[in-house]
Amino acid sequence: MTLDELAVLLREFAAAREWEQFHTPKNLAMALAGEVGELLAELQWLTPEEAARVMEDPDAALRMRSELADVTIYLVRLADLLGVDLIEAARVKLAESERRYDVENYRGSARKAPPIL
């Protein structure tokens, strides 16, 4: 399934329930933030090593997949409502990051690039 196909399914899901009235950009962004918080809560008290192995625990893996699905659903729904092609937006952002974070100066570094002027 493509993101476009998922967007259509989500649009149909919302329409069948007459939820379009609630699916404003603000409400969807707030719901997305809430779901990201729930995703973070699954990792909150884990060590980096435990977090790297979270999918090895079947119960934790189930919760992670569920929270990732919620984040994806709200993100795709918001992008659809705003007319944003997520794949294209990500491609453009990656190309911008390639320019800002050149390999020679940023390999192995977590420092931020200077602001775009």
N, C-alpha and C. Protein backbone atom coordinates (compact mmCIF):
# COMPACT_ATOMS: atom_id res chain seq x y z
N MET A 1 0.85 -1.17 0.00
CA MET A 1 0.00 0.00 0.00
C MET A 1 0.89 1.23 0.00
N THR A 2 0.51 2.23 -0.77
CA THR A 2 1.25 3.49 -0.81
C THR A 2 0.66 4.45 0.21
N LEU A 3 1.37 5.53 0.46
CA LEU A 3 0.84 6.56 1.35
C LEU A 3 -0.43 7.17 0.78
N ASP A 4 -0.47 7.33 -0.54
CA ASP A 4 -1.69 7.87 -1.17
C ASP A 4 -2.88 6.93 -0.96
N GLU A 5 -2.64 5.64 -1.09
CA GLU A 5 -3.73 4.67 -0.86
C GLU A 5 -4.17 4.69 0.60
N LEU A 6 -3.21 4.81 1.51
CA LEU A 6 -3.56 4.91 2.92
C LEU A 6 -4.37 6.18 3.18
N ALA A 7 -3.98 7.29 2.57
CA ALA A 7 -4.71 8.55 2.74
C ALA A 7 -6.16 8.40 2.29
N VAL A 8 -6.38 7.71 1.19
CA VAL A 8 -7.75 7.48 0.70
C VAL A 8 -8.53 6.65 1.71
N LEU A 9 -7.93 5.59 2.23
CA LEU A 9 -8.62 4.77 3.23
C LEU A 9 -8.97 5.58 4.47
N LEU A 10 -8.05 6.41 4.91
CA LEU A 10 -8.31 7.24 6.10
C LEU A 10 -9.39 8.28 5.82
N ARG A 11 -9.36 8.86 4.63
CA ARG A 11 -10.39 9.82 4.24
C ARG A 11 -11.76 9.16 4.25
N GLU A 12 -11.84 7.95 3.69
CA GLU A 12 -13.10 7.21 3.65
C GLU A 12 -13.56 6.82 5.06
N PHE A 13 -12.61 6.41 5.90
CA PHE A 13 -12.91 6.05 7.29
C PHE A 13 -13.53 7.24 8.03
N ALA A 14 -12.90 8.41 7.88
CA ALA A 14 -13.41 9.61 8.55
C ALA A 14 -14.77 10.02 7.98
N ALA A 15 -14.92 9.96 6.67
CA ALA A 15 -16.18 10.36 6.04
C ALA A 15 -17.33 9.47 6.46
N ALA A 16 -17.09 8.17 6.55
CA ALA A 16 -18.16 7.24 6.94
C ALA A 16 -18.67 7.54 8.34
N ARG A 17 -17.83 8.13 9.17
CA ARG A 17 -18.20 8.43 10.55
C ARG A 17 -18.56 9.90 10.75
N GLU A 18 -18.51 10.67 9.64
CA GLU A 18 -18.74 12.12 9.67
C GLU A 18 -17.79 12.81 10.65
N TRP A 19 -16.53 12.42 10.58
CA TRP A 19 -15.51 12.99 11.46
C TRP A 19 -14.73 14.12 10.80
N GLU A 20 -15.02 14.43 9.53
CA GLU A 20 -14.28 15.50 8.86
C GLU A 20 -14.35 16.79 9.65
N GLN A 21 -15.50 17.02 10.31
CA GLN A 21 -15.68 18.25 11.09
C GLN A 21 -14.64 18.36 12.22
N PHE A 22 -14.13 17.25 12.68
CA PHE A 22 -13.14 17.25 13.76
C PHE A 22 -11.70 17.22 13.23
N HIS A 23 -11.55 16.84 11.97
CA HIS A 23 -10.23 16.68 11.40
C HIS A 23 -9.73 17.99 10.80
N THR A 24 -9.52 18.96 11.67
CA THR A 24 -8.92 20.23 11.26
C THR A 24 -7.40 20.08 11.39
N PRO A 25 -6.64 20.92 10.70
CA PRO A 25 -5.18 20.83 10.86
C PRO A 25 -4.75 20.93 12.33
N LYS A 26 -5.33 21.84 13.08
CA LYS A 26 -4.97 21.99 14.49
C LYS A 26 -5.28 20.72 15.27
N ASN A 27 -6.48 20.19 15.11
CA ASN A 27 -6.85 18.99 15.87
C ASN A 27 -6.00 17.79 15.49
N LEU A 28 -5.73 17.64 14.21
CA LEU A 28 -4.90 16.51 13.78
C LEU A 28 -3.47 16.66 14.27
N ALA A 29 -2.94 17.88 14.24
CA ALA A 29 -1.58 18.10 14.75
C ALA A 29 -1.52 17.82 16.25
N MET A 30 -2.55 18.23 16.98
CA MET A 30 -2.59 17.95 18.42
C MET A 30 -2.70 16.46 18.68
N ALA A 31 -3.52 15.76 17.92
CA ALA A 31 -3.65 14.31 18.07
C ALA A 31 -2.33 13.62 17.74
N LEU A 32 -1.65 14.11 16.70
CA LEU A 32 -0.35 13.57 16.33
C LEU A 32 0.65 13.75 17.47
N ALA A 33 0.68 14.94 18.06
CA ALA A 33 1.59 15.20 19.18
C ALA A 33 1.29 14.27 20.35
N GLY A 34 0.01 14.05 20.62
CA GLY A 34 -0.36 13.13 21.69
C GLY A 34 0.11 11.72 21.42
N GLU A 35 -0.03 11.27 20.20
CA GLU A 35 0.40 9.91 19.86
C GLU A 35 1.92 9.78 19.90
N VAL A 36 2.63 10.83 19.49
CA VAL A 36 4.09 10.81 19.61
C VAL A 36 4.48 10.71 21.08
N GLY A 37 3.74 11.40 21.95
CA GLY A 37 3.97 11.28 23.39
C GLY A 37 3.78 9.86 23.88
N GLU A 38 2.76 9.18 23.39
CA GLU A 38 2.53 7.79 23.78
C GLU A 38 3.65 6.89 23.27
N LEU A 39 4.16 7.18 22.08
CA LEU A 39 5.29 6.43 21.56
C LEU A 39 6.52 6.65 22.44
N LEU A 40 6.76 7.89 22.80
CA LEU A 40 7.89 8.20 23.68
C LEU A 40 7.76 7.50 25.03
N ALA A 41 6.54 7.42 25.54
CA ALA A 41 6.32 6.79 26.84
C ALA A 41 6.75 5.33 26.83
N GLU A 42 6.65 4.68 25.68
CA GLU A 42 7.07 3.28 25.58
C GLU A 42 8.58 3.12 25.74
N LEU A 43 9.34 4.17 25.49
CA LEU A 43 10.79 4.12 25.54
C LEU A 43 11.38 4.91 26.72
N GLN A 44 10.53 5.64 27.39
CA GLN A 44 10.97 6.64 28.35
C GLN A 44 12.01 6.18 29.36
N TRP A 45 11.80 5.09 30.03
CA TRP A 45 12.70 4.69 31.12
C TRP A 45 13.67 3.58 30.72
N LEU A 46 13.72 3.28 29.42
CA LEU A 46 14.64 2.25 28.96
C LEU A 46 16.04 2.83 28.78
N THR A 47 17.04 1.99 29.03
CA THR A 47 18.40 2.40 28.69
C THR A 47 18.53 2.40 27.17
N PRO A 48 19.56 3.03 26.63
CA PRO A 48 19.75 2.97 25.18
C PRO A 48 19.81 1.53 24.66
N GLU A 49 20.45 0.66 25.44
CA GLU A 49 20.57 -0.74 25.02
C GLU A 49 19.21 -1.43 25.03
N GLU A 50 18.41 -1.18 26.07
CA GLU A 50 17.06 -1.76 26.14
C GLU A 50 16.19 -1.24 25.01
N ALA A 51 16.29 0.04 24.72
CA ALA A 51 15.50 0.63 23.64
C ALA A 51 15.86 0.01 22.29
N ALA A 52 17.14 -0.28 22.09
CA ALA A 52 17.58 -0.90 20.84
C ALA A 52 17.01 -2.30 20.66
N ARG A 53 16.66 -2.94 21.78
CA ARG A 53 16.13 -4.31 21.73
C ARG A 53 14.63 -4.38 22.01
N VAL A 54 13.94 -3.26 21.99
CA VAL A 54 12.53 -3.23 22.40
C VAL A 54 11.65 -4.18 21.59
N MET A 55 12.00 -4.39 20.33
CA MET A 55 11.16 -5.24 19.48
C MET A 55 11.37 -6.73 19.76
N GLU A 56 12.33 -7.07 20.60
CA GLU A 56 12.55 -8.46 20.98
C GLU A 56 11.51 -8.95 21.99
N ASP A 57 10.88 -8.04 22.70
CA ASP A 57 9.83 -8.38 23.67
C ASP A 57 8.49 -8.32 22.93
N PRO A 58 7.79 -9.44 22.80
CA PRO A 58 6.55 -9.46 22.01
C PRO A 58 5.50 -8.44 22.49
N ASP A 59 5.34 -8.27 23.79
CA ASP A 59 4.36 -7.30 24.29
C ASP A 59 4.78 -5.87 23.96
N ALA A 60 6.05 -5.56 24.19
CA ALA A 60 6.55 -4.23 23.88
C ALA A 60 6.49 -3.97 22.38
N ALA A 61 6.81 -4.98 21.59
CA ALA A 61 6.77 -4.84 20.13
C ALA A 61 5.35 -4.54 19.65
N LEU A 62 4.37 -5.20 20.25
CA LEU A 62 2.97 -4.94 19.91
C LEU A 62 2.60 -3.50 20.22
N ARG A 63 3.02 -3.01 21.38
CA ARG A 63 2.72 -1.62 21.76
C ARG A 63 3.45 -0.64 20.84
N MET A 64 4.69 -0.93 20.49
CA MET A 64 5.44 -0.05 19.59
C MET A 64 4.77 0.03 18.21
N ARG A 65 4.38 -1.12 17.67
CA ARG A 65 3.70 -1.13 16.37
C ARG A 65 2.40 -0.33 16.43
N SER A 66 1.67 -0.49 17.52
CA SER A 66 0.40 0.23 17.67
C SER A 66 0.62 1.74 17.73
N GLU A 67 1.60 2.17 18.52
CA GLU A 67 1.86 3.61 18.62
C GLU A 67 2.42 4.17 17.32
N LEU A 68 3.29 3.43 16.66
CA LEU A 68 3.80 3.88 15.36
C LEU A 68 2.67 3.97 14.34
N ALA A 69 1.74 3.04 14.39
CA ALA A 69 0.59 3.10 13.49
C ALA A 69 -0.24 4.34 13.76
N ASP A 70 -0.49 4.64 15.05
CA ASP A 70 -1.26 5.84 15.39
C ASP A 70 -0.57 7.10 14.87
N VAL A 71 0.75 7.20 15.06
CA VAL A 71 1.51 8.35 14.57
C VAL A 71 1.39 8.44 13.05
N THR A 72 1.54 7.32 12.38
CA THR A 72 1.45 7.30 10.91
C THR A 72 0.07 7.74 10.44
N ILE A 73 -0.96 7.21 11.08
CA ILE A 73 -2.33 7.54 10.68
C ILE A 73 -2.59 9.04 10.79
N TYR A 74 -2.25 9.64 11.93
CA TYR A 74 -2.49 11.07 12.09
C TYR A 74 -1.61 11.90 11.17
N LEU A 75 -0.37 11.49 10.95
CA LEU A 75 0.51 12.23 10.05
C LEU A 75 -0.01 12.18 8.62
N VAL A 76 -0.40 11.01 8.16
CA VAL A 76 -0.90 10.88 6.79
C VAL A 76 -2.22 11.63 6.63
N ARG A 77 -3.08 11.56 7.62
CA ARG A 77 -4.36 12.28 7.56
C ARG A 77 -4.13 13.79 7.50
N LEU A 78 -3.22 14.30 8.33
CA LEU A 78 -2.91 15.73 8.33
C LEU A 78 -2.32 16.16 6.99
N ALA A 79 -1.37 15.40 6.48
CA ALA A 79 -0.76 15.73 5.19
C ALA A 79 -1.80 15.72 4.08
N ASP A 80 -2.69 14.75 4.11
CA ASP A 80 -3.75 14.66 3.09
C ASP A 80 -4.64 15.90 3.16
N LEU A 81 -5.02 16.27 4.36
CA LEU A 81 -5.88 17.43 4.52
C LEU A 81 -5.21 18.71 4.02
N LEU A 82 -3.91 18.81 4.24
CA LEU A 82 -3.17 20.01 3.83
C LEU A 82 -2.66 19.94 2.39
N GLY A 83 -2.85 18.80 1.73
CA GLY A 83 -2.38 18.65 0.36
C GLY A 83 -0.86 18.52 0.25
N VAL A 84 -0.24 17.93 1.27
CA VAL A 84 1.21 17.75 1.27
C VAL A 84 1.54 16.32 0.86
N ASP A 85 2.39 16.18 -0.13
CA ASP A 85 2.91 14.88 -0.55
C ASP A 85 4.07 14.57 0.38
N LEU A 86 3.87 13.66 1.34
CA LEU A 86 4.88 13.37 2.34
C LEU A 86 6.18 12.83 1.73
N ILE A 87 6.06 12.00 0.73
CA ILE A 87 7.27 11.44 0.10
C ILE A 87 8.08 12.56 -0.55
N GLU A 88 7.41 13.43 -1.28
CA GLU A 88 8.11 14.55 -1.93
C GLU A 88 8.68 15.51 -0.88
N ALA A 89 7.91 15.81 0.16
CA ALA A 89 8.41 16.70 1.21
C ALA A 89 9.64 16.11 1.88
N ALA A 90 9.63 14.82 2.13
CA ALA A 90 10.79 14.16 2.75
C ALA A 90 11.97 14.17 1.79
N ARG A 91 11.73 13.95 0.51
CA ARG A 91 12.81 13.97 -0.48
C ARG A 91 13.47 15.35 -0.52
N VAL A 92 12.65 16.41 -0.53
CA VAL A 92 13.17 17.78 -0.56
C VAL A 92 13.95 18.07 0.72
N LYS A 93 13.41 17.65 1.86
CA LYS A 93 14.07 17.88 3.14
C LYS A 93 15.41 17.14 3.20
N LEU A 94 15.45 15.92 2.72
CA LEU A 94 16.69 15.16 2.71
C LEU A 94 17.74 15.83 1.82
N ALA A 95 17.32 16.32 0.66
CA ALA A 95 18.24 17.03 -0.24
C ALA A 95 18.79 18.28 0.44
N GLU A 96 17.93 19.00 1.15
CA GLU A 96 18.37 20.18 1.90
C GLU A 96 19.37 19.78 2.99
N SER A 97 19.08 18.70 3.69
CA SER A 97 19.98 18.23 4.75
C SER A 97 21.32 17.77 4.17
N GLU A 98 21.30 17.18 2.99
CA GLU A 98 22.54 16.78 2.31
C GLU A 98 23.43 18.01 2.09
N ARG A 99 22.82 19.13 1.73
CA ARG A 99 23.59 20.37 1.50
C ARG A 99 24.09 20.96 2.83
N ARG A 100 23.23 20.97 3.84
CA ARG A 100 23.57 21.59 5.12
C ARG A 100 24.54 20.76 5.95
N TYR A 101 24.43 19.45 5.85
CA TYR A 101 25.27 18.55 6.66
C TYR A 101 26.18 17.73 5.74
N ASP A 102 27.17 18.41 5.17
CA ASP A 102 28.06 17.70 4.26
C ASP A 102 28.85 16.64 5.03
N VAL A 103 29.14 15.55 4.36
CA VAL A 103 29.78 14.40 4.98
C VAL A 103 31.13 14.77 5.59
N GLU A 104 31.90 15.55 4.88
CA GLU A 104 33.25 15.90 5.36
C GLU A 104 33.23 16.60 6.71
N ASN A 105 32.28 17.50 6.93
CA ASN A 105 32.25 18.29 8.17
C ASN A 105 31.36 17.71 9.26
N TYR A 106 30.50 16.78 8.93
CA TYR A 106 29.53 16.32 9.93
C TYR A 106 29.58 14.82 10.21
N ARG A 107 30.49 14.09 9.60
CA ARG A 107 30.59 12.65 9.85
C ARG A 107 30.88 12.42 11.33
N GLY A 108 30.03 11.64 12.00
CA GLY A 108 30.21 11.30 13.40
C GLY A 108 29.90 12.42 14.37
N SER A 109 29.34 13.51 13.90
CA SER A 109 29.05 14.67 14.75
C SER A 109 27.54 14.88 14.89
N ALA A 110 27.11 15.25 16.09
CA ALA A 110 25.70 15.54 16.33
C ALA A 110 25.45 17.05 16.39
N ARG A 111 26.45 17.87 16.06
CA ARG A 111 26.25 19.32 16.16
C ARG A 111 25.29 19.80 15.07
N LYS A 112 24.62 20.88 15.38
CA LYS A 112 23.65 21.48 14.45
C LYS A 112 24.39 22.26 13.37
N ALA A 113 23.77 22.31 12.21
CA ALA A 113 24.28 23.15 11.13
C ALA A 113 23.89 24.59 11.43
N PRO A 114 24.64 25.54 10.87
CA PRO A 114 24.25 26.96 11.04
C PRO A 114 22.86 27.18 10.45
N PRO A 115 22.15 28.18 10.98
CA PRO A 115 20.80 28.46 10.44
C PRO A 115 20.84 28.80 8.96
N ILE A 116 19.76 28.48 8.28
CA ILE A 116 19.64 28.83 6.85
C ILE A 116 19.36 30.32 6.77
N LEU A 117 20.12 31.01 5.97
CA LEU A 117 19.92 32.46 5.82
C LEU A 117 19.15 32.79 4.59
